[in-house]
Amino acid sequence: MIEKECEIVTDLLPVYVKNEISDVTKEFVETHIEKCKDCKEKLEFLSRKRKCNSKTY
């Protein structure tokens, strides 16, 4: 079951990072990330990548 959840969360992470997600889905992602180290690391990576891409030079 967790593998399927991981696939779903991985698909949702890009919109989660952009905050383009419903409250219910956001809660689902956050609940999953609390218990899944791999998905939490993916989220951290995407968050860092987004911050780097948003910097202006």
C-alpha atoms as a PDB file:
ATOM      1  CA  MET A   1       0.000   0.000   0.000  1.00  0.00           C
ATOM      2  CA  ILE A   2       2.731   2.476   0.876  1.00  0.00           C
ATOM      3  CA  GLU A   3       4.371   1.989  -2.532  1.00  0.00           C
ATOM      4  CA  LYS A   4       1.174   3.044  -4.261  1.00  0.00           C
ATOM      5  CA  GLU A   5       0.906   6.038  -1.925  1.00  0.00           C
ATOM      6  CA  CYS A   6       4.496   6.948  -2.762  1.00  0.00           C
ATOM      7  CA  GLU A   7       3.702   6.941  -6.457  1.00  0.00           C
ATOM      8  CA  ILE A   8       0.696   9.171  -5.901  1.00  0.00           C
ATOM      9  CA  VAL A   9       2.588  11.562  -3.645  1.00  0.00           C
ATOM     10  CA  THR A  10       5.510  11.716  -6.069  1.00  0.00           C
ATOM     11  CA  ASP A  11       3.086  12.749  -8.812  1.00  0.00           C
ATOM     12  CA  LEU A  12       1.604  15.408  -6.549  1.00  0.00           C
ATOM     13  CA  LEU A  13       4.839  16.919  -5.241  1.00  0.00           C
ATOM     14  CA  PRO A  14       5.380  19.425  -8.067  1.00  0.00           C
ATOM     15  CA  VAL A  15       1.957  21.014  -7.528  1.00  0.00           C
ATOM     16  CA  TYR A  16       2.377  20.751  -3.757  1.00  0.00           C
ATOM     17  CA  VAL A  17       5.605  22.748  -3.919  1.00  0.00           C
ATOM     18  CA  LYS A  18       3.869  25.403  -6.020  1.00  0.00           C
ATOM     19  CA  ASN A  19       0.961  25.443  -3.553  1.00  0.00           C
ATOM     20  CA  GLU A  20      -1.444  24.675  -6.399  1.00  0.00           C
ATOM     21  CA  ILE A  21      -3.202  21.912  -4.530  1.00  0.00           C
ATOM     22  CA  SER A  22      -6.478  21.510  -2.665  1.00  0.00           C
ATOM     23  CA  ASP A  23      -6.492  21.482   1.123  1.00  0.00           C
ATOM     24  CA  VAL A  24      -7.594  17.851   1.225  1.00  0.00           C
ATOM     25  CA  THR A  25      -4.814  16.751  -1.123  1.00  0.00           C
ATOM     26  CA  LYS A  26      -2.287  18.874   0.747  1.00  0.00           C
ATOM     27  CA  GLU A  27      -3.261  17.114   3.973  1.00  0.00           C
ATOM     28  CA  PHE A  28      -2.849  13.721   2.260  1.00  0.00           C
ATOM     29  CA  VAL A  29       0.644  14.638   1.030  1.00  0.00           C
ATOM     30  CA  GLU A  30       1.724  16.028   4.405  1.00  0.00           C
ATOM     31  CA  THR A  31       0.424  12.993   6.295  1.00  0.00           C
ATOM     32  CA  HIS A  32       2.301  10.681   3.953  1.00  0.00           C
ATOM     33  CA  ILE A  33       5.516  12.702   4.148  1.00  0.00           C
ATOM     34  CA  GLU A  34       5.493  12.482   7.936  1.00  0.00           C
ATOM     35  CA  LYS A  35       5.901   8.713   7.706  1.00  0.00           C
ATOM     36  CA  CYS A  36       7.893   8.291   4.484  1.00  0.00           C
ATOM     37  CA  LYS A  37      11.543   9.290   4.438  1.00  0.00           C
ATOM     38  CA  ASP A  38      11.945   8.780   0.674  1.00  0.00           C
ATOM     39  CA  CYS A  39       9.067  11.077  -0.235  1.00  0.00           C
ATOM     40  CA  LYS A  40      10.219  13.652   2.299  1.00  0.00           C
ATOM     41  CA  GLU A  41      13.631  13.690   0.620  1.00  0.00           C
ATOM     42  CA  LYS A  42      11.991  14.112  -2.782  1.00  0.00           C
ATOM     43  CA  LEU A  43      10.012  17.042  -1.429  1.00  0.00           C
ATOM     44  CA  GLU A  44      13.135  18.648   0.012  1.00  0.00           C
ATOM     45  CA  PHE A  45      14.915  18.249  -3.311  1.00  0.00           C
ATOM     46  CA  LEU A  46      12.037  19.811  -5.246  1.00  0.00           C
ATOM     47  CA  SER A  47      11.799  22.656  -2.747  1.00  0.00           C
ATOM     48  CA  ARG A  48      15.509  23.436  -3.066  1.00  0.00           C
ATOM     49  CA  LYS A  49      15.309  23.206  -6.854  1.00  0.00           C
ATOM     50  CA  ARG A  50      12.355  25.583  -6.895  1.00  0.00           C
ATOM     51  CA  LYS A  51      14.194  28.087  -4.700  1.00  0.00           C
ATOM     52  CA  CYS A  52      17.235  27.959  -6.985  1.00  0.00           C
ATOM     53  CA  ASN A  53      15.082  28.458 -10.070  1.00  0.00           C
ATOM     54  CA  SER A  54      13.266  31.420  -8.547  1.00  0.00           C
ATOM     55  CA  LYS A  55      16.459  33.413  -7.868  1.00  0.00           C
ATOM     56  CA  THR A  56      17.090  36.234 -10.266  1.00  0.00           C
ATOM     57  CA  TYR A  57      20.554  36.999 -11.486  1.00  0.00           C
END
